[in-house]
Amino acid sequence: AAAGTQSSGAVVLSMLETLLKVTGFVALML
């Protein structure tokens, strides 16, 4: 995003994807 090759929306999507993955892992283990 800083270099202009990705939009700020891509950053938000990456964050949401990571949070979903961590939540999914914790839920799977429990």
mmCIF file of all heavy atoms, coordinates in Angstrom:
data_MODEL
# 
_entry.id   MODEL 
# 
loop_
_atom_site.group_PDB 
_atom_site.id 
_atom_site.type_symbol 
_atom_site.label_atom_id 
_atom_site.label_alt_id 
_atom_site.label_comp_id 
_atom_site.label_asym_id 
_atom_site.label_entity_id 
_atom_site.label_seq_id 
_atom_site.pdbx_PDB_ins_code 
_atom_site.Cartn_x 
_atom_site.Cartn_y 
_atom_site.Cartn_z 
_atom_site.occupancy 
_atom_site.B_iso_or_equiv 
_atom_site.pdbx_formal_charge 
_atom_site.auth_seq_id 
_atom_site.auth_comp_id 
_atom_site.auth_asym_id 
_atom_site.auth_atom_id 
_atom_site.pdbx_PDB_model_num 
ATOM 1   N N   . ALA A 1 1  ? 0.832   -1.207  0.000  1.00 0.00 ? 1  ALA A N   1 
ATOM 2   C CA  . ALA A 1 1  ? 0.000   0.000   0.000  1.00 0.00 ? 1  ALA A CA  1 
ATOM 3   C C   . ALA A 1 1  ? 0.865   1.254   0.000  1.00 0.00 ? 1  ALA A C   1 
ATOM 4   O O   . ALA A 1 1  ? 0.558   2.246   -0.675 1.00 0.00 ? 1  ALA A O   1 
ATOM 5   C CB  . ALA A 1 1  ? -0.930  -0.023  1.217  1.00 0.00 ? 1  ALA A CB  1 
ATOM 6   N N   . ALA A 1 2  ? 1.965   1.210   0.792  1.00 0.00 ? 2  ALA A N   1 
ATOM 7   C CA  . ALA A 1 2  ? 2.865   2.370   0.858  1.00 0.00 ? 2  ALA A CA  1 
ATOM 8   C C   . ALA A 1 2  ? 3.550   2.614   -0.484 1.00 0.00 ? 2  ALA A C   1 
ATOM 9   O O   . ALA A 1 2  ? 3.809   3.761   -0.868 1.00 0.00 ? 2  ALA A O   1 
ATOM 10  C CB  . ALA A 1 2  ? 3.907   2.153   1.955  1.00 0.00 ? 2  ALA A CB  1 
ATOM 11  N N   . ALA A 1 3  ? 3.822   1.509   -1.204 1.00 0.00 ? 3  ALA A N   1 
ATOM 12  C CA  . ALA A 1 3  ? 4.483   1.645   -2.501 1.00 0.00 ? 3  ALA A CA  1 
ATOM 13  C C   . ALA A 1 3  ? 3.483   1.879   -3.631 1.00 0.00 ? 3  ALA A C   1 
ATOM 14  O O   . ALA A 1 3  ? 3.871   2.077   -4.791 1.00 0.00 ? 3  ALA A O   1 
ATOM 15  C CB  . ALA A 1 3  ? 5.302   0.391   -2.797 1.00 0.00 ? 3  ALA A CB  1 
ATOM 16  N N   . GLY A 1 4  ? 2.192   1.825   -3.309 1.00 0.00 ? 4  GLY A N   1 
ATOM 17  C CA  . GLY A 1 4  ? 1.155   2.049   -4.310 1.00 0.00 ? 4  GLY A CA  1 
ATOM 18  C C   . GLY A 1 4  ? 0.771   0.823   -5.097 1.00 0.00 ? 4  GLY A C   1 
ATOM 19  O O   . GLY A 1 4  ? 0.006   0.914   -6.059 1.00 0.00 ? 4  GLY A O   1 
ATOM 20  N N   . THR A 1 5  ? 1.266   -0.355  -4.731 1.00 0.00 ? 5  THR A N   1 
ATOM 21  C CA  . THR A 1 5  ? 0.944   -1.589  -5.464 1.00 0.00 ? 5  THR A CA  1 
ATOM 22  C C   . THR A 1 5  ? -0.275  -2.294  -4.893 1.00 0.00 ? 5  THR A C   1 
ATOM 23  O O   . THR A 1 5  ? -0.822  -3.194  -5.528 1.00 0.00 ? 5  THR A O   1 
ATOM 24  C CB  . THR A 1 5  ? 2.141   -2.556  -5.424 1.00 0.00 ? 5  THR A CB  1 
ATOM 25  O OG1 . THR A 1 5  ? 2.463   -2.856  -4.056 1.00 0.00 ? 5  THR A OG1 1 
ATOM 26  C CG2 . THR A 1 5  ? 3.346   -1.947  -6.101 1.00 0.00 ? 5  THR A CG2 1 
ATOM 27  N N   . GLN A 1 6  ? -0.719  -1.944  -3.658 1.00 0.00 ? 6  GLN A N   1 
ATOM 28  C CA  . GLN A 1 6  ? -1.914  -2.534  -3.046 1.00 0.00 ? 6  GLN A CA  1 
ATOM 29  C C   . GLN A 1 6  ? -2.755  -1.429  -2.430 1.00 0.00 ? 6  GLN A C   1 
ATOM 30  O O   . GLN A 1 6  ? -2.238  -0.418  -1.966 1.00 0.00 ? 6  GLN A O   1 
ATOM 31  C CB  . GLN A 1 6  ? -1.538  -3.562  -1.973 1.00 0.00 ? 6  GLN A CB  1 
ATOM 32  C CG  . GLN A 1 6  ? -0.981  -4.862  -2.526 1.00 0.00 ? 6  GLN A CG  1 
ATOM 33  C CD  . GLN A 1 6  ? -0.893  -5.946  -1.452 1.00 0.00 ? 6  GLN A CD  1 
ATOM 34  O OE1 . GLN A 1 6  ? -1.711  -5.989  -0.542 1.00 0.00 ? 6  GLN A OE1 1 
ATOM 35  N NE2 . GLN A 1 6  ? 0.103   -6.807  -1.579 1.00 0.00 ? 6  GLN A NE2 1 
ATOM 36  N N   . SER A 1 7  ? -4.066  -1.665  -2.400 1.00 0.00 ? 7  SER A N   1 
ATOM 37  C CA  . SER A 1 7  ? -4.976  -0.679  -1.828 1.00 0.00 ? 7  SER A CA  1 
ATOM 38  C C   . SER A 1 7  ? -5.093  -0.873  -0.327 1.00 0.00 ? 7  SER A C   1 
ATOM 39  O O   . SER A 1 7  ? -4.719  -1.922  0.216  1.00 0.00 ? 7  SER A O   1 
ATOM 40  C CB  . SER A 1 7  ? -6.360  -0.827  -2.470 1.00 0.00 ? 7  SER A CB  1 
ATOM 41  O OG  . SER A 1 7  ? -6.926  -2.090  -2.132 1.00 0.00 ? 7  SER A OG  1 
ATOM 42  N N   . SER A 1 8  ? -5.625  0.144   0.338  1.00 0.00 ? 8  SER A N   1 
ATOM 43  C CA  . SER A 1 8  ? -5.838  0.040   1.788  1.00 0.00 ? 8  SER A CA  1 
ATOM 44  C C   . SER A 1 8  ? -6.875  -1.032  2.111  1.00 0.00 ? 8  SER A C   1 
ATOM 45  O O   . SER A 1 8  ? -6.859  -1.633  3.182  1.00 0.00 ? 8  SER A O   1 
ATOM 46  C CB  . SER A 1 8  ? -6.299  1.392   2.349  1.00 0.00 ? 8  SER A CB  1 
ATOM 47  O OG  . SER A 1 8  ? -7.488  1.822   1.687  1.00 0.00 ? 8  SER A OG  1 
ATOM 48  N N   . GLY A 1 9  ? -7.769  -1.296  1.151  1.00 0.00 ? 9  GLY A N   1 
ATOM 49  C CA  . GLY A 1 9  ? -8.759  -2.353  1.354  1.00 0.00 ? 9  GLY A CA  1 
ATOM 50  C C   . GLY A 1 9  ? -8.107  -3.717  1.488  1.00 0.00 ? 9  GLY A C   1 
ATOM 51  O O   . GLY A 1 9  ? -8.585  -4.573  2.244  1.00 0.00 ? 9  GLY A O   1 
ATOM 52  N N   . ALA A 1 10 ? -7.022  -3.920  0.754  1.00 0.00 ? 10 ALA A N   1 
ATOM 53  C CA  . ALA A 1 10 ? -6.304  -5.199  0.837  1.00 0.00 ? 10 ALA A CA  1 
ATOM 54  C C   . ALA A 1 10 ? -5.704  -5.398  2.224  1.00 0.00 ? 10 ALA A C   1 
ATOM 55  O O   . ALA A 1 10 ? -5.646  -6.522  2.733  1.00 0.00 ? 10 ALA A O   1 
ATOM 56  C CB  . ALA A 1 10 ? -5.197  -5.248  -0.217 1.00 0.00 ? 10 ALA A CB  1 
ATOM 57  N N   . VAL A 1 11 ? -5.281  -4.308  2.839  1.00 0.00 ? 11 VAL A N   1 
ATOM 58  C CA  . VAL A 1 11 ? -4.736  -4.394  4.191  1.00 0.00 ? 11 VAL A CA  1 
ATOM 59  C C   . VAL A 1 11 ? -5.823  -4.835  5.177  1.00 0.00 ? 11 VAL A C   1 
ATOM 60  O O   . VAL A 1 11 ? -5.616  -5.710  6.020  1.00 0.00 ? 11 VAL A O   1 
ATOM 61  C CB  . VAL A 1 11 ? -4.138  -3.036  4.624  1.00 0.00 ? 11 VAL A CB  1 
ATOM 62  C CG1 . VAL A 1 11 ? -3.625  -3.119  6.060  1.00 0.00 ? 11 VAL A CG1 1 
ATOM 63  C CG2 . VAL A 1 11 ? -3.013  -2.632  3.684  1.00 0.00 ? 11 VAL A CG2 1 
ATOM 64  N N   . VAL A 1 12 ? -7.002  -4.235  5.051  1.00 0.00 ? 12 VAL A N   1 
ATOM 65  C CA  . VAL A 1 12 ? -8.123  -4.578  5.935  1.00 0.00 ? 12 VAL A CA  1 
ATOM 66  C C   . VAL A 1 12 ? -8.529  -6.034  5.745  1.00 0.00 ? 12 VAL A C   1 
ATOM 67  O O   . VAL A 1 12 ? -8.784  -6.770  6.699  1.00 0.00 ? 12 VAL A O   1 
ATOM 68  C CB  . VAL A 1 12 ? -9.322  -3.636  5.690  1.00 0.00 ? 12 VAL A CB  1 
ATOM 69  C CG1 . VAL A 1 12 ? -10.521 -4.072  6.524  1.00 0.00 ? 12 VAL A CG1 1 
ATOM 70  C CG2 . VAL A 1 12 ? -8.936  -2.205  6.001  1.00 0.00 ? 12 VAL A CG2 1 
ATOM 71  N N   . LEU A 1 13 ? -8.577  -6.466  4.475  1.00 0.00 ? 13 LEU A N   1 
ATOM 72  C CA  . LEU A 1 13 ? -8.940  -7.856  4.189  1.00 0.00 ? 13 LEU A CA  1 
ATOM 73  C C   . LEU A 1 13 ? -7.923  -8.830  4.775  1.00 0.00 ? 13 LEU A C   1 
ATOM 74  O O   . LEU A 1 13 ? -8.294  -9.887  5.306  1.00 0.00 ? 13 LEU A O   1 
ATOM 75  C CB  . LEU A 1 13 ? -9.060  -8.067  2.677  1.00 0.00 ? 13 LEU A CB  1 
ATOM 76  C CG  . LEU A 1 13 ? -10.315 -7.493  1.999  1.00 0.00 ? 13 LEU A CG  1 
ATOM 77  C CD1 . LEU A 1 13 ? -10.244 -7.677  0.488  1.00 0.00 ? 13 LEU A CD1 1 
ATOM 78  C CD2 . LEU A 1 13 ? -11.567 -8.185  2.556  1.00 0.00 ? 13 LEU A CD2 1 
ATOM 79  N N   . SER A 1 14 ? -6.639  -8.493  4.680  1.00 0.00 ? 14 SER A N   1 
ATOM 80  C CA  . SER A 1 14 ? -5.594  -9.351  5.256  1.00 0.00 ? 14 SER A CA  1 
ATOM 81  C C   . SER A 1 14 ? -5.746  -9.473  6.766  1.00 0.00 ? 14 SER A C   1 
ATOM 82  O O   . SER A 1 14 ? -5.580  -10.559 7.346  1.00 0.00 ? 14 SER A O   1 
ATOM 83  C CB  . SER A 1 14 ? -4.203  -8.795  4.924  1.00 0.00 ? 14 SER A CB  1 
ATOM 84  O OG  . SER A 1 14 ? -3.962  -8.833  3.550  1.00 0.00 ? 14 SER A OG  1 
ATOM 85  N N   . MET A 1 15 ? -6.081  -8.359  7.421  1.00 0.00 ? 15 MET A N   1 
ATOM 86  C CA  . MET A 1 15 ? -6.267  -8.378  8.865  1.00 0.00 ? 15 MET A CA  1 
ATOM 87  C C   . MET A 1 15 ? -7.456  -9.262  9.251  1.00 0.00 ? 15 MET A C   1 
ATOM 88  O O   . MET A 1 15 ? -7.367  -10.087 10.162 1.00 0.00 ? 15 MET A O   1 
ATOM 89  C CB  . MET A 1 15 ? -6.478  -6.951  9.386  1.00 0.00 ? 15 MET A CB  1 
ATOM 90  C CG  . MET A 1 15 ? -6.632  -6.872  10.901 1.00 0.00 ? 15 MET A CG  1 
ATOM 91  S SD  . MET A 1 15 ? -6.929  -5.184  11.480 1.00 0.00 ? 15 MET A SD  1 
ATOM 92  C CE  . MET A 1 15 ? -5.403  -4.380  11.013 1.00 0.00 ? 15 MET A CE  1 
ATOM 93  N N   . LEU A 1 16 ? -8.580  -9.092  8.530  1.00 0.00 ? 16 LEU A N   1 
ATOM 94  C CA  . LEU A 1 16 ? -9.759  -9.902  8.826  1.00 0.00 ? 16 LEU A CA  1 
ATOM 95  C C   . LEU A 1 16 ? -9.500  -11.381 8.573  1.00 0.00 ? 16 LEU A C   1 
ATOM 96  O O   . LEU A 1 16 ? -9.932  -12.243 9.352  1.00 0.00 ? 16 LEU A O   1 
ATOM 97  C CB  . LEU A 1 16 ? -10.935 -9.432  7.961  1.00 0.00 ? 16 LEU A CB  1 
ATOM 98  C CG  . LEU A 1 16 ? -11.526 -8.055  8.298  1.00 0.00 ? 16 LEU A CG  1 
ATOM 99  C CD1 . LEU A 1 16 ? -12.585 -7.663  7.278  1.00 0.00 ? 16 LEU A CD1 1 
ATOM 100 C CD2 . LEU A 1 16 ? -12.119 -8.061  9.710  1.00 0.00 ? 16 LEU A CD2 1 
ATOM 101 N N   . GLU A 1 17 ? -8.762  -11.679 7.510  1.00 0.00 ? 17 GLU A N   1 
ATOM 102 C CA  . GLU A 1 17 ? -8.436  -13.070 7.202  1.00 0.00 ? 17 GLU A CA  1 
ATOM 103 C C   . GLU A 1 17 ? -7.593  -13.700 8.302  1.00 0.00 ? 17 GLU A C   1 
ATOM 104 O O   . GLU A 1 17 ? -7.833  -14.836 8.719  1.00 0.00 ? 17 GLU A O   1 
ATOM 105 C CB  . GLU A 1 17 ? -7.688  -13.142 5.862  1.00 0.00 ? 17 GLU A CB  1 
ATOM 106 C CG  . GLU A 1 17 ? -7.370  -14.567 5.427  1.00 0.00 ? 17 GLU A CG  1 
ATOM 107 C CD  . GLU A 1 17 ? -6.553  -14.599 4.148  1.00 0.00 ? 17 GLU A CD  1 
ATOM 108 O OE1 . GLU A 1 17 ? -6.214  -13.518 3.613  1.00 0.00 ? 17 GLU A OE1 1 
ATOM 109 O OE2 . GLU A 1 17 ? -6.244  -15.705 3.695  1.00 0.00 ? 17 GLU A OE2 1 
ATOM 110 N N   . THR A 1 18 ? -6.620  -12.946 8.816  1.00 0.00 ? 18 THR A N   1 
ATOM 111 C CA  . THR A 1 18 ? -5.764  -13.463 9.888  1.00 0.00 ? 18 THR A CA  1 
ATOM 112 C C   . THR A 1 18 ? -6.565  -13.708 11.157 1.00 0.00 ? 18 THR A C   1 
ATOM 113 O O   . THR A 1 18 ? -6.414  -14.750 11.817 1.00 0.00 ? 18 THR A O   1 
ATOM 114 C CB  . THR A 1 18 ? -4.631  -12.461 10.179 1.00 0.00 ? 18 THR A CB  1 
ATOM 115 O OG1 . THR A 1 18 ? -3.877  -12.257 8.983  1.00 0.00 ? 18 THR A OG1 1 
ATOM 116 C CG2 . THR A 1 18 ? -3.707  -12.991 11.262 1.00 0.00 ? 18 THR A CG2 1 
ATOM 117 N N   . LEU A 1 19 ? -7.416  -12.760 11.520 1.00 0.00 ? 19 LEU A N   1 
ATOM 118 C CA  . LEU A 1 19 ? -8.236  -12.919 12.721 1.00 0.00 ? 19 LEU A CA  1 
ATOM 119 C C   . LEU A 1 19 ? -9.157  -14.129 12.603 1.00 0.00 ? 19 LEU A C   1 
ATOM 120 O O   . LEU A 1 19 ? -9.338  -14.885 13.564 1.00 0.00 ? 19 LEU A O   1 
ATOM 121 C CB  . LEU A 1 19 ? -9.053  -11.652 12.963 1.00 0.00 ? 19 LEU A CB  1 
ATOM 122 C CG  . LEU A 1 19 ? -8.264  -10.416 13.412 1.00 0.00 ? 19 LEU A CG  1 
ATOM 123 C CD1 . LEU A 1 19 ? -9.179  -9.196  13.464 1.00 0.00 ? 19 LEU A CD1 1 
ATOM 124 C CD2 . LEU A 1 19 ? -7.613  -10.650 14.775 1.00 0.00 ? 19 LEU A CD2 1 
ATOM 125 N N   . LEU A 1 20 ? -9.734  -14.334 11.411 1.00 0.00 ? 20 LEU A N   1 
ATOM 126 C CA  . LEU A 1 20 ? -10.610 -15.486 11.197 1.00 0.00 ? 20 LEU A CA  1 
ATOM 127 C C   . LEU A 1 20 ? -9.835  -16.792 11.316 1.00 0.00 ? 20 LEU A C   1 
ATOM 128 O O   . LEU A 1 20 ? -10.323 -17.777 11.886 1.00 0.00 ? 20 LEU A O   1 
ATOM 129 C CB  . LEU A 1 20 ? -11.272 -15.395 9.819  1.00 0.00 ? 20 LEU A CB  1 
ATOM 130 C CG  . LEU A 1 20 ? -12.430 -14.393 9.689  1.00 0.00 ? 20 LEU A CG  1 
ATOM 131 C CD1 . LEU A 1 20 ? -12.885 -14.281 8.236  1.00 0.00 ? 20 LEU A CD1 1 
ATOM 132 C CD2 . LEU A 1 20 ? -13.598 -14.817 10.583 1.00 0.00 ? 20 LEU A CD2 1 
ATOM 133 N N   . LYS A 1 21 ? -8.601  -16.815 10.788 1.00 0.00 ? 21 LYS A N   1 
ATOM 134 C CA  . LYS A 1 21 ? -7.788  -18.029 10.860 1.00 0.00 ? 21 LYS A CA  1 
ATOM 135 C C   . LYS A 1 21 ? -7.412  -18.368 12.303 1.00 0.00 ? 21 LYS A C   1 
ATOM 136 O O   . LYS A 1 21 ? -7.496  -19.525 12.725 1.00 0.00 ? 21 LYS A O   1 
ATOM 137 C CB  . LYS A 1 21 ? -6.509  -17.859 10.024 1.00 0.00 ? 21 LYS A CB  1 
ATOM 138 C CG  . LYS A 1 21 ? -6.737  -17.983 8.526  1.00 0.00 ? 21 LYS A CG  1 
ATOM 139 C CD  . LYS A 1 21 ? -5.426  -17.889 7.776  1.00 0.00 ? 21 LYS A CD  1 
ATOM 140 C CE  . LYS A 1 21 ? -5.611  -18.110 6.280  1.00 0.00 ? 21 LYS A CE  1 
ATOM 141 N NZ  . LYS A 1 21 ? -4.316  -18.039 5.550  1.00 0.00 ? 21 LYS A NZ  1 
ATOM 142 N N   . VAL A 1 22 ? -6.992  -17.362 13.064 1.00 0.00 ? 22 VAL A N   1 
ATOM 143 C CA  . VAL A 1 22 ? -6.619  -17.608 14.465 1.00 0.00 ? 22 VAL A CA  1 
ATOM 144 C C   . VAL A 1 22 ? -7.839  -18.075 15.258 1.00 0.00 ? 22 VAL A C   1 
ATOM 145 O O   . VAL A 1 22 ? -7.759  -19.030 16.039 1.00 0.00 ? 22 VAL A O   1 
ATOM 146 C CB  . VAL A 1 22 ? -6.021  -16.327 15.093 1.00 0.00 ? 22 VAL A CB  1 
ATOM 147 C CG1 . VAL A 1 22 ? -5.827  -16.516 16.598 1.00 0.00 ? 22 VAL A CG1 1 
ATOM 148 C CG2 . VAL A 1 22 ? -4.685  -15.996 14.440 1.00 0.00 ? 22 VAL A CG2 1 
ATOM 149 N N   . THR A 1 23 ? -8.974  -17.411 15.038 1.00 0.00 ? 23 THR A N   1 
ATOM 150 C CA  . THR A 1 23 ? -10.203 -17.815 15.728 1.00 0.00 ? 23 THR A CA  1 
ATOM 151 C C   . THR A 1 23 ? -10.604 -19.238 15.352 1.00 0.00 ? 23 THR A C   1 
ATOM 152 O O   . THR A 1 23 ? -11.009 -20.039 16.199 1.00 0.00 ? 23 THR A O   1 
ATOM 153 C CB  . THR A 1 23 ? -11.352 -16.845 15.373 1.00 0.00 ? 23 THR A CB  1 
ATOM 154 O OG1 . THR A 1 23 ? -10.966 -15.513 15.703 1.00 0.00 ? 23 THR A OG1 1 
ATOM 155 C CG2 . THR A 1 23 ? -12.612 -17.210 16.137 1.00 0.00 ? 23 THR A CG2 1 
ATOM 156 N N   . GLY A 1 24 ? -10.454 -19.568 14.068 1.00 0.00 ? 24 GLY A N   1 
ATOM 157 C CA  . GLY A 1 24 ? -10.775 -20.913 13.612 1.00 0.00 ? 24 GLY A CA  1 
ATOM 158 C C   . GLY A 1 24 ? -9.882  -21.960 14.239 1.00 0.00 ? 24 GLY A C   1 
ATOM 159 O O   . GLY A 1 24 ? -10.349 -23.042 14.642 1.00 0.00 ? 24 GLY A O   1 
ATOM 160 N N   . PHE A 1 25 ? -8.590  -21.657 14.362 1.00 0.00 ? 25 PHE A N   1 
ATOM 161 C CA  . PHE A 1 25 ? -7.660  -22.608 14.985 1.00 0.00 ? 25 PHE A CA  1 
ATOM 162 C C   . PHE A 1 25 ? -7.997  -22.838 16.454 1.00 0.00 ? 25 PHE A C   1 
ATOM 163 O O   . PHE A 1 25 ? -8.061  -23.985 16.912 1.00 0.00 ? 25 PHE A O   1 
ATOM 164 C CB  . PHE A 1 25 ? -6.217  -22.095 14.848 1.00 0.00 ? 25 PHE A CB  1 
ATOM 165 C CG  . PHE A 1 25 ? -5.241  -22.861 15.694 1.00 0.00 ? 25 PHE A CG  1 
ATOM 166 C CD1 . PHE A 1 25 ? -4.897  -24.161 15.383 1.00 0.00 ? 25 PHE A CD1 1 
ATOM 167 C CD2 . PHE A 1 25 ? -4.671  -22.285 16.828 1.00 0.00 ? 25 PHE A CD2 1 
ATOM 168 C CE1 . PHE A 1 25 ? -4.018  -24.879 16.165 1.00 0.00 ? 25 PHE A CE1 1 
ATOM 169 C CE2 . PHE A 1 25 ? -3.794  -22.989 17.619 1.00 0.00 ? 25 PHE A CE2 1 
ATOM 170 C CZ  . PHE A 1 25 ? -3.459  -24.287 17.289 1.00 0.00 ? 25 PHE A CZ  1 
ATOM 171 N N   . VAL A 1 26 ? -8.230  -21.742 17.185 1.00 0.00 ? 26 VAL A N   1 
ATOM 172 C CA  . VAL A 1 26 ? -8.557  -21.868 18.611 1.00 0.00 ? 26 VAL A CA  1 
ATOM 173 C C   . VAL A 1 26 ? -9.856  -22.655 18.793 1.00 0.00 ? 26 VAL A C   1 
ATOM 174 O O   . VAL A 1 26 ? -9.943  -23.552 19.649 1.00 0.00 ? 26 VAL A O   1 
ATOM 175 C CB  . VAL A 1 26 ? -8.671  -20.466 19.262 1.00 0.00 ? 26 VAL A CB  1 
ATOM 176 C CG1 . VAL A 1 26 ? -9.175  -20.592 20.695 1.00 0.00 ? 26 VAL A CG1 1 
ATOM 177 C CG2 . VAL A 1 26 ? -7.317  -19.760 19.240 1.00 0.00 ? 26 VAL A CG2 1 
ATOM 178 N N   . ALA A 1 27 ? -10.851 -22.369 17.966 1.00 0.00 ? 27 ALA A N   1 
ATOM 179 C CA  . ALA A 1 27 ? -12.126 -23.082 18.062 1.00 0.00 ? 27 ALA A CA  1 
ATOM 180 C C   . ALA A 1 27 ? -11.948 -24.560 17.747 1.00 0.00 ? 27 ALA A C   1 
ATOM 181 O O   . ALA A 1 27 ? -12.511 -25.437 18.430 1.00 0.00 ? 27 ALA A O   1 
ATOM 182 C CB  . ALA A 1 27 ? -13.147 -22.457 17.108 1.00 0.00 ? 27 ALA A CB  1 
ATOM 183 N N   . LEU A 1 28 ? -11.152 -24.863 16.730 1.00 0.00 ? 28 LEU A N   1 
ATOM 184 C CA  . LEU A 1 28 ? -10.906 -26.259 16.363 1.00 0.00 ? 28 LEU A CA  1 
ATOM 185 C C   . LEU A 1 28 ? -10.237 -27.021 17.499 1.00 0.00 ? 28 LEU A C   1 
ATOM 186 O O   . LEU A 1 28 ? -10.615 -28.163 17.815 1.00 0.00 ? 28 LEU A O   1 
ATOM 187 C CB  . LEU A 1 28 ? -10.028 -26.319 15.109 1.00 0.00 ? 28 LEU A CB  1 
ATOM 188 C CG  . LEU A 1 28 ? -9.714  -27.727 14.578 1.00 0.00 ? 28 LEU A CG  1 
ATOM 189 C CD1 . LEU A 1 28 ? -10.967 -28.389 14.039 1.00 0.00 ? 28 LEU A CD1 1 
ATOM 190 C CD2 . LEU A 1 28 ? -8.634  -27.658 13.496 1.00 0.00 ? 28 LEU A CD2 1 
ATOM 191 N N   . MET A 1 29 ? -9.249  -26.390 18.150 1.00 0.00 ? 29 MET A N   1 
ATOM 192 C CA  . MET A 1 29 ? -8.542  -27.051 19.249 1.00 0.00 ? 29 MET A CA  1 
ATOM 193 C C   . MET A 1 29 ? -9.458  -27.264 20.445 1.00 0.00 ? 29 MET A C   1 
ATOM 194 O O   . MET A 1 29 ? -9.404  -28.313 21.106 1.00 0.00 ? 29 MET A O   1 
ATOM 195 C CB  . MET A 1 29 ? -7.325  -26.228 19.659 1.00 0.00 ? 29 MET A CB  1 
ATOM 196 C CG  . MET A 1 29 ? -6.214  -26.211 18.625 1.00 0.00 ? 29 MET A CG  1 
ATOM 197 S SD  . MET A 1 29 ? -5.583  -27.856 18.217 1.00 0.00 ? 29 MET A SD  1 
ATOM 198 C CE  . MET A 1 29 ? -4.894  -28.355 19.787 1.00 0.00 ? 29 MET A CE  1 
ATOM 199 N N   . LEU A 1 30 ? -10.291 -26.280 20.755 1.00 0.00 ? 30 LEU A N   1 
ATOM 200 C CA  . LEU A 1 30 ? -11.149 -26.378 21.938 1.00 0.00 ? 30 LEU A CA  1 
ATOM 201 C C   . LEU A 1 30 ? -12.337 -27.309 21.725 1.00 0.00 ? 30 LEU A C   1 
ATOM 202 O O   . LEU A 1 30 ? -12.810 -27.945 22.680 1.00 0.00 ? 30 LEU A O   1 
ATOM 203 C CB  . LEU A 1 30 ? -11.655 -24.980 22.335 1.00 0.00 ? 30 LEU A CB  1 
ATOM 204 C CG  . LEU A 1 30 ? -10.588 -23.989 22.810 1.00 0.00 ? 30 LEU A CG  1 
ATOM 205 C CD1 . LEU A 1 30 ? -11.228 -22.658 23.171 1.00 0.00 ? 30 LEU A CD1 1 
ATOM 206 C CD2 . LEU A 1 30 ? -9.813  -24.543 24.002 1.00 0.00 ? 30 LEU A CD2 1 
# 
